[in-house]
Every structure is written in structure tokens, then in C-alpha cells.
Amino acid sequence: MTEFVLLVRWLLFGIGIVYFITESSVFSPFRIALTKGSDFRIGLLYCPACTGFWVGIIVSNLWVHQSDWSGIESGVAMMAVGAAWSNWRGGNSAYILEVVEEQHDSKEESEDGR
């Protein structure tokens, strides 16, 4: 395969995995369960740039053996792709639905229970 085809394959596979983890409705129950009570895990699982870094490192194992990229370079590149993609789309809608509104609902419930 040509270097361009490998790059496109890496890009599509990586951003697909990032989307699946950070925004897909299929992964939503896992995201919610894994992030309960941890701002660090919320940042990791809802942030396309953060998730992209780790996905890039993992995906590099599938792609790097055919290129000159290291795992860290792949991670940083996928982090940049995740950040640009999220910025282009206007942010992570799953974060707003699952975290922001949940925190808002919890705050209203605690105020009603006074």
C-alpha cells in the first residue's frame, strides 16, 4: 500500500475509534459508568483530543510498522485530529447530555430536597 493510503486508513480508523469512545450512543452506558465520581476519567473519555492521544498510540501499532512514525508521534497527531474534529463540530454533544445536564439535574434535586 502507498503511504497515502496508509495515512488515510490510520486517520479514518483512529477518528472512528475516538468517536465511538467519546460520543457514540452505543458506548454511552460504559462512559457514564466509568466516569462516575472522577473528573479525570470524564476528561479522558469525553475529550476527543485526550482520547485521541491514547487511541493514536494504540492504532500506531497497527500502522507504524509500515511507516517511520513512533507511537508518540501517532498519539500526538491523533490528538490534534481529535481536537480539530471536535472544534469543527462545535464540541462534544454527549458531554453536554451526559455530564452537564446530569450535574444540573443533581443540583436541582439537592436544592429541592432542602
C-alpha atoms as a PDB file:
ATOM      1  CA  MET A   1       0.000   0.000   0.000  1.00  0.00           C
ATOM      2  CA  THR A   2       1.094   3.520  -0.635  1.00  0.00           C
ATOM      3  CA  GLU A   3       1.956   5.850   2.209  1.00  0.00           C
ATOM      4  CA  PHE A   4      -1.120   7.985   1.419  1.00  0.00           C
ATOM      5  CA  VAL A   5      -3.480   5.002   1.655  1.00  0.00           C
ATOM      6  CA  LEU A   6      -1.921   4.017   4.983  1.00  0.00           C
ATOM      7  CA  LEU A   7      -2.331   7.564   6.294  1.00  0.00           C
ATOM      8  CA  VAL A   8      -5.990   7.721   5.271  1.00  0.00           C
ATOM      9  CA  ARG A   9      -6.595   4.287   6.793  1.00  0.00           C
ATOM     10  CA  TRP A  10      -4.933   5.382  10.063  1.00  0.00           C
ATOM     11  CA  LEU A  11      -6.924   8.623  10.097  1.00  0.00           C
ATOM     12  CA  LEU A  12     -10.326   7.017   9.469  1.00  0.00           C
ATOM     13  CA  PHE A  13      -9.763   4.136  11.851  1.00  0.00           C
ATOM     14  CA  GLY A  14      -8.427   6.411  14.587  1.00  0.00           C
ATOM     15  CA  ILE A  15     -11.155   9.048  14.371  1.00  0.00           C
ATOM     16  CA  GLY A  16     -13.769   6.284  14.221  1.00  0.00           C
ATOM     17  CA  ILE A  17     -12.496   4.818  17.482  1.00  0.00           C
ATOM     18  CA  VAL A  18     -12.299   8.286  19.056  1.00  0.00           C
ATOM     19  CA  TYR A  19     -15.910   8.982  18.045  1.00  0.00           C
ATOM     20  CA  PHE A  20     -17.043   5.597  19.338  1.00  0.00           C
ATOM     21  CA  ILE A  21     -15.472   6.191  22.757  1.00  0.00           C
ATOM     22  CA  THR A  22     -16.269   9.891  23.222  1.00  0.00           C
ATOM     23  CA  GLU A  23     -19.694  10.330  21.628  1.00  0.00           C
ATOM     24  CA  SER A  24     -21.457   7.211  20.372  1.00  0.00           C
ATOM     25  CA  SER A  25     -24.739   6.204  21.957  1.00  0.00           C
ATOM     26  CA  VAL A  26     -23.629   2.558  21.946  1.00  0.00           C
ATOM     27  CA  PHE A  27     -20.726   3.362  24.303  1.00  0.00           C
ATOM     28  CA  SER A  28     -22.803   5.787  26.417  1.00  0.00           C
ATOM     29  CA  PRO A  29     -23.641   3.372  29.271  1.00  0.00           C
ATOM     30  CA  PHE A  30     -19.955   2.468  29.604  1.00  0.00           C
ATOM     31  CA  ARG A  31     -18.870   6.142  29.523  1.00  0.00           C
ATOM     32  CA  ILE A  32     -21.390   7.038  32.218  1.00  0.00           C
ATOM     33  CA  ALA A  33     -20.429   4.089  34.435  1.00  0.00           C
ATOM     34  CA  LEU A  34     -16.681   4.598  34.005  1.00  0.00           C
ATOM     35  CA  THR A  35     -16.744   8.336  34.719  1.00  0.00           C
ATOM     36  CA  LYS A  36     -18.898   8.376  37.861  1.00  0.00           C
ATOM     37  CA  GLY A  37     -17.151  10.458  40.513  1.00  0.00           C
ATOM     38  CA  SER A  38     -13.956  11.184  38.581  1.00  0.00           C
ATOM     39  CA  ASP A  39     -13.185  14.419  36.781  1.00  0.00           C
ATOM     40  CA  PHE A  40     -10.023  12.798  35.387  1.00  0.00           C
ATOM     41  CA  ARG A  41     -11.993   9.978  33.724  1.00  0.00           C
ATOM     42  CA  ILE A  42     -14.595  12.471  32.480  1.00  0.00           C
ATOM     43  CA  GLY A  43     -11.799  14.408  30.811  1.00  0.00           C
ATOM     44  CA  LEU A  44     -10.301  11.271  29.369  1.00  0.00           C
ATOM     45  CA  LEU A  45     -13.481   9.701  27.982  1.00  0.00           C
ATOM     46  CA  TYR A  46     -15.328  12.803  26.758  1.00  0.00           C
ATOM     47  CA  CYS A  47     -12.396  14.766  25.337  1.00  0.00           C
ATOM     48  CA  PRO A  48     -11.640  13.784  21.706  1.00  0.00           C
ATOM     49  CA  ALA A  49      -8.106  15.200  21.974  1.00  0.00           C
ATOM     50  CA  CYS A  50      -7.337  13.284  25.191  1.00  0.00           C
ATOM     51  CA  THR A  51      -8.842  10.062  23.926  1.00  0.00           C
ATOM     52  CA  GLY A  52      -7.215  10.669  20.542  1.00  0.00           C
ATOM     53  CA  PHE A  53      -3.754  10.669  22.078  1.00  0.00           C
ATOM     54  CA  TRP A  54      -4.190   7.197  23.552  1.00  0.00           C
ATOM     55  CA  VAL A  55      -6.040   5.880  20.520  1.00  0.00           C
ATOM     56  CA  GLY A  56      -3.235   7.209  18.317  1.00  0.00           C
ATOM     57  CA  ILE A  57      -0.648   5.328  20.336  1.00  0.00           C
ATOM     58  CA  ILE A  58      -2.668   2.110  20.179  1.00  0.00           C
ATOM     59  CA  VAL A  59      -3.553   2.491  16.489  1.00  0.00           C
ATOM     60  CA  SER A  60       0.094   3.178  15.705  1.00  0.00           C
ATOM     61  CA  ASN A  61       0.827  -0.464  16.476  1.00  0.00           C
ATOM     62  CA  LEU A  62      -1.384  -1.366  13.527  1.00  0.00           C
ATOM     63  CA  TRP A  63       0.150   1.242  11.229  1.00  0.00           C
ATOM     64  CA  VAL A  64       3.632   2.212  12.421  1.00  0.00           C
ATOM     65  CA  HIS A  65       5.369  -0.970  11.368  1.00  0.00           C
ATOM     66  CA  GLN A  66       4.773   0.208   7.803  1.00  0.00           C
ATOM     67  CA  SER A  67       5.887   3.818   8.333  1.00  0.00           C
ATOM     68  CA  ASP A  68       8.514   5.902  10.106  1.00  0.00           C
ATOM     69  CA  TRP A  69       6.166   7.185  12.843  1.00  0.00           C
ATOM     70  CA  SER A  70       6.650   6.339  16.521  1.00  0.00           C
ATOM     71  CA  GLY A  71       3.748   5.649  18.860  1.00  0.00           C
ATOM     72  CA  ILE A  72       4.117   9.074  20.489  1.00  0.00           C
ATOM     73  CA  GLU A  73       4.074  10.843  17.110  1.00  0.00           C
ATOM     74  CA  SER A  74       0.962   8.924  16.160  1.00  0.00           C
ATOM     75  CA  GLY A  75      -0.638   9.797  19.507  1.00  0.00           C
ATOM     76  CA  VAL A  76       0.114  13.489  19.193  1.00  0.00           C
ATOM     77  CA  ALA A  77      -1.115  13.536  15.587  1.00  0.00           C
ATOM     78  CA  MET A  78      -4.386  11.794  16.529  1.00  0.00           C
ATOM     79  CA  MET A  79      -4.741  14.182  19.481  1.00  0.00           C
ATOM     80  CA  ALA A  80      -4.535  17.097  17.032  1.00  0.00           C
ATOM     81  CA  VAL A  81      -7.032  15.419  14.703  1.00  0.00           C
ATOM     82  CA  GLY A  82      -9.415  14.794  17.622  1.00  0.00           C
ATOM     83  CA  ALA A  83      -9.146  18.401  18.799  1.00  0.00           C
ATOM     84  CA  ALA A  84      -9.683  19.815  15.296  1.00  0.00           C
ATOM     85  CA  TRP A  85     -12.578  17.452  14.632  1.00  0.00           C
ATOM     86  CA  SER A  86     -14.267  18.333  17.940  1.00  0.00           C
ATOM     87  CA  ASN A  87     -13.732  22.052  17.376  1.00  0.00           C
ATOM     88  CA  TRP A  88     -15.108  21.807  13.842  1.00  0.00           C
ATOM     89  CA  ARG A  89     -18.226  20.021  15.137  1.00  0.00           C
ATOM     90  CA  GLY A  90     -18.777  22.542  17.937  1.00  0.00           C
ATOM     91  CA  GLY A  91     -17.813  20.320  20.868  1.00  0.00           C
ATOM     92  CA  ASN A  92     -18.957  17.006  22.263  1.00  0.00           C
ATOM     93  CA  SER A  93     -22.747  16.715  22.407  1.00  0.00           C
ATOM     94  CA  ALA A  94     -22.513  13.553  24.535  1.00  0.00           C
ATOM     95  CA  TYR A  95     -20.668  15.533  27.216  1.00  0.00           C
ATOM     96  CA  ILE A  96     -23.448  18.104  27.323  1.00  0.00           C
ATOM     97  CA  LEU A  97     -26.169  15.445  27.524  1.00  0.00           C
ATOM     98  CA  GLU A  98     -24.474  13.029  29.894  1.00  0.00           C
ATOM     99  CA  VAL A  99     -22.354  15.210  32.187  1.00  0.00           C
ATOM    100  CA  VAL A 100     -23.522  18.828  32.141  1.00  0.00           C
ATOM    101  CA  GLU A 101     -27.245  18.056  32.271  1.00  0.00           C
ATOM    102  CA  GLU A 102     -26.695  15.306  34.875  1.00  0.00           C
ATOM    103  CA  GLN A 103     -24.822  17.752  37.094  1.00  0.00           C
ATOM    104  CA  HIS A 104     -27.564  20.329  36.562  1.00  0.00           C
ATOM    105  CA  ASP A 105     -30.293  17.781  37.437  1.00  0.00           C
ATOM    106  CA  SER A 106     -28.372  16.653  40.545  1.00  0.00           C
ATOM    107  CA  LYS A 107     -28.004  20.262  41.682  1.00  0.00           C
ATOM    108  CA  GLU A 108     -31.752  20.901  41.240  1.00  0.00           C
ATOM    109  CA  GLU A 109     -32.617  17.721  43.166  1.00  0.00           C
ATOM    110  CA  SER A 110     -30.353  18.720  46.066  1.00  0.00           C
ATOM    111  CA  GLU A 111     -31.889  22.200  46.168  1.00  0.00           C
ATOM    112  CA  ASP A 112     -35.431  20.737  46.158  1.00  0.00           C
ATOM    113  CA  GLY A 113     -34.573  18.361  48.978  1.00  0.00           C
ATOM    114  CA  ARG A 114     -33.532  21.089  51.445  1.00  0.00           C
END
